[in-house]
Amino acid sequence: TQQWLMYFCPFCGTLLQLGRAELFQFFCSTCTYVVPVTSALTRSYDFSHENKKPDGDDAFLAASSSVAGAEGSQVTSIRCGSDGGECDGEKAQFIQIQMRSADEPPTTFFKCTTCGYQWRSD
């Protein structure tokens, strides 16, 4: 498990900020509290064992790998988006995922029901 250490001002409760590198101290941006850093604050992580196959809980990976297999996919009338134009499909399964901030539209992933071609619309 990953642990993050955060230090708070004992007087006002504000999150302490790290001072400039040459000062080696935490300081409160609200009051005058300052505490020196007494030991090195280092963390190292080994990500070599973190790679795993995607599971069904990750909606983005499920949608990008197989729209048909994604939970909640629907069918709509849309021309197939294949580059060559060799498919005359008029229907596709789709799923929408909010990948950016809430004030931007969701990304829609499509899969042609005729040829299986997949594309996305941002």
Protein backbone atom coordinates (compact mmCIF):
# COMPACT_ATOMS: atom_id res chain seq x y z
CA THR A 1 0.00 0.00 0.00
CA GLN A 2 1.09 3.51 -0.72
CA GLN A 3 1.36 6.02 2.12
CA TRP A 4 1.67 9.76 1.74
CA LEU A 5 2.92 11.82 4.62
CA MET A 6 1.37 15.22 5.09
CA TYR A 7 2.26 17.58 7.86
CA PHE A 8 -0.20 20.06 9.35
CA CYS A 9 0.28 23.17 11.46
CA PRO A 10 -0.41 22.33 15.13
CA PHE A 11 -1.83 25.84 15.70
CA CYS A 12 -4.20 26.48 12.78
CA GLY A 13 -4.42 23.10 10.99
CA THR A 14 -3.16 24.34 7.61
CA LEU A 15 -1.22 21.90 5.42
CA LEU A 16 2.48 22.73 5.78
CA GLN A 17 4.42 23.62 2.65
CA LEU A 18 7.99 22.66 1.92
CA GLY A 19 10.32 25.65 1.91
CA ARG A 20 13.03 26.35 -0.62
CA ALA A 21 15.63 23.60 -0.99
CA GLU A 22 18.39 25.48 0.82
CA LEU A 23 16.19 26.15 3.89
CA PHE A 24 15.13 22.54 4.60
CA GLN A 25 11.98 23.44 6.49
CA PHE A 26 8.22 23.16 6.45
CA PHE A 27 6.26 26.35 6.96
CA CYS A 28 2.65 27.36 7.49
CA SER A 29 1.27 29.76 4.88
CA THR A 30 -1.34 31.08 7.34
CA CYS A 31 0.59 31.70 10.56
CA THR A 32 4.30 31.92 11.41
CA TYR A 33 4.86 28.26 12.33
CA VAL A 34 8.10 26.78 10.94
CA VAL A 35 9.59 23.34 11.58
CA PRO A 36 13.02 22.29 10.30
CA VAL A 37 13.43 19.08 8.31
CA THR A 38 15.58 16.82 10.48
CA SER A 39 15.94 13.81 8.19
CA ALA A 40 15.82 13.10 4.48
CA LEU A 41 12.33 12.75 3.06
CA THR A 42 12.75 10.17 0.33
CA ARG A 43 10.49 7.52 -1.13
CA SER A 44 11.34 4.93 -3.73
CA TYR A 45 8.94 2.64 -5.53
CA ASP A 46 9.50 -0.50 -7.57
CA PHE A 47 6.96 -0.58 -10.39
CA SER A 48 8.32 -3.71 -12.06
CA HIS A 49 5.72 -5.90 -10.34
CA GLU A 50 2.84 -3.45 -10.78
CA ASN A 51 1.97 -4.47 -14.35
CA LYS A 52 -1.22 -6.48 -14.46
CA LYS A 53 -3.83 -7.38 -17.00
CA PRO A 54 -6.83 -5.07 -17.03
CA ASP A 55 -9.86 -6.28 -15.15
CA GLY A 56 -13.52 -5.61 -15.82
CA ASP A 57 -13.63 -2.73 -13.34
CA ASP A 58 -11.73 -0.34 -15.58
CA ALA A 59 -14.39 1.14 -17.85
CA PHE A 60 -11.90 2.91 -20.11
CA LEU A 61 -9.89 -0.22 -20.86
CA ALA A 62 -13.05 -2.26 -21.30
CA ALA A 63 -14.48 0.27 -23.74
CA SER A 64 -11.31 0.73 -25.75
CA SER A 65 -10.63 -3.00 -26.03
CA SER A 66 -14.21 -4.09 -26.71
CA VAL A 67 -17.18 -1.77 -26.78
CA ALA A 68 -19.50 -4.75 -27.06
CA GLY A 69 -18.11 -6.21 -23.84
CA ALA A 70 -18.36 -2.97 -21.90
CA GLU A 71 -21.14 -2.79 -19.36
CA GLY A 72 -23.98 -0.51 -20.43
CA SER A 73 -23.25 -0.43 -24.18
CA GLN A 74 -26.16 0.61 -26.42
CA VAL A 75 -26.91 0.49 -30.16
CA THR A 76 -27.32 3.60 -32.33
CA SER A 77 -27.78 4.38 -36.02
CA ILE A 78 -24.48 5.70 -37.38
CA ARG A 79 -22.43 4.99 -40.51
CA CYS A 80 -19.37 2.76 -39.93
CA GLY A 81 -16.25 4.84 -39.32
CA SER A 82 -13.79 2.49 -41.04
CA ASP A 83 -11.09 4.30 -43.02
CA GLY A 84 -11.40 2.40 -46.28
CA GLY A 85 -15.17 2.72 -46.53
CA GLU A 86 -15.47 -0.99 -47.34
CA CYS A 87 -18.24 -1.46 -44.76
CA ASP A 88 -21.79 -0.23 -45.35
CA GLY A 89 -22.81 -0.76 -41.72
CA GLU A 90 -25.45 1.65 -40.43
CA LYS A 91 -25.52 0.58 -36.77
CA ALA A 92 -22.92 0.52 -34.01
CA GLN A 93 -22.74 -0.30 -30.35
CA PHE A 94 -21.48 2.59 -28.25
CA ILE A 95 -20.55 3.60 -24.75
CA GLN A 96 -19.78 7.06 -23.37
CA ILE A 97 -17.08 7.69 -20.77
CA GLN A 98 -16.26 10.99 -19.06
CA MET A 99 -12.47 11.03 -19.52
CA ARG A 100 -11.74 14.74 -19.09
CA SER A 101 -13.12 17.40 -16.77
CA ALA A 102 -16.86 17.60 -16.18
CA ASP A 103 -17.27 20.76 -18.28
CA GLU A 104 -16.10 18.92 -21.44
CA PRO A 105 -18.20 16.38 -23.37
CA PRO A 106 -17.70 12.65 -22.78
CA THR A 107 -15.73 10.46 -25.18
CA THR A 108 -17.91 8.06 -27.18
CA PHE A 109 -16.51 4.66 -28.23
CA PHE A 110 -18.23 2.93 -31.18
CA LYS A 111 -18.10 -0.62 -32.59
CA CYS A 112 -19.72 -1.38 -35.95
CA THR A 113 -22.26 -4.22 -35.63
CA THR A 114 -21.50 -5.33 -39.21
CA CYS A 115 -17.69 -5.50 -39.45
CA GLY A 116 -16.57 -4.96 -35.83
CA TYR A 117 -14.47 -1.85 -36.59
CA GLN A 118 -13.95 0.32 -33.49
CA TRP A 119 -13.49 4.09 -33.35
CA ARG A 120 -13.97 6.94 -30.93
CA SER A 121 -15.40 10.42 -31.01
CA ASP A 122 -14.12 13.06 -28.57
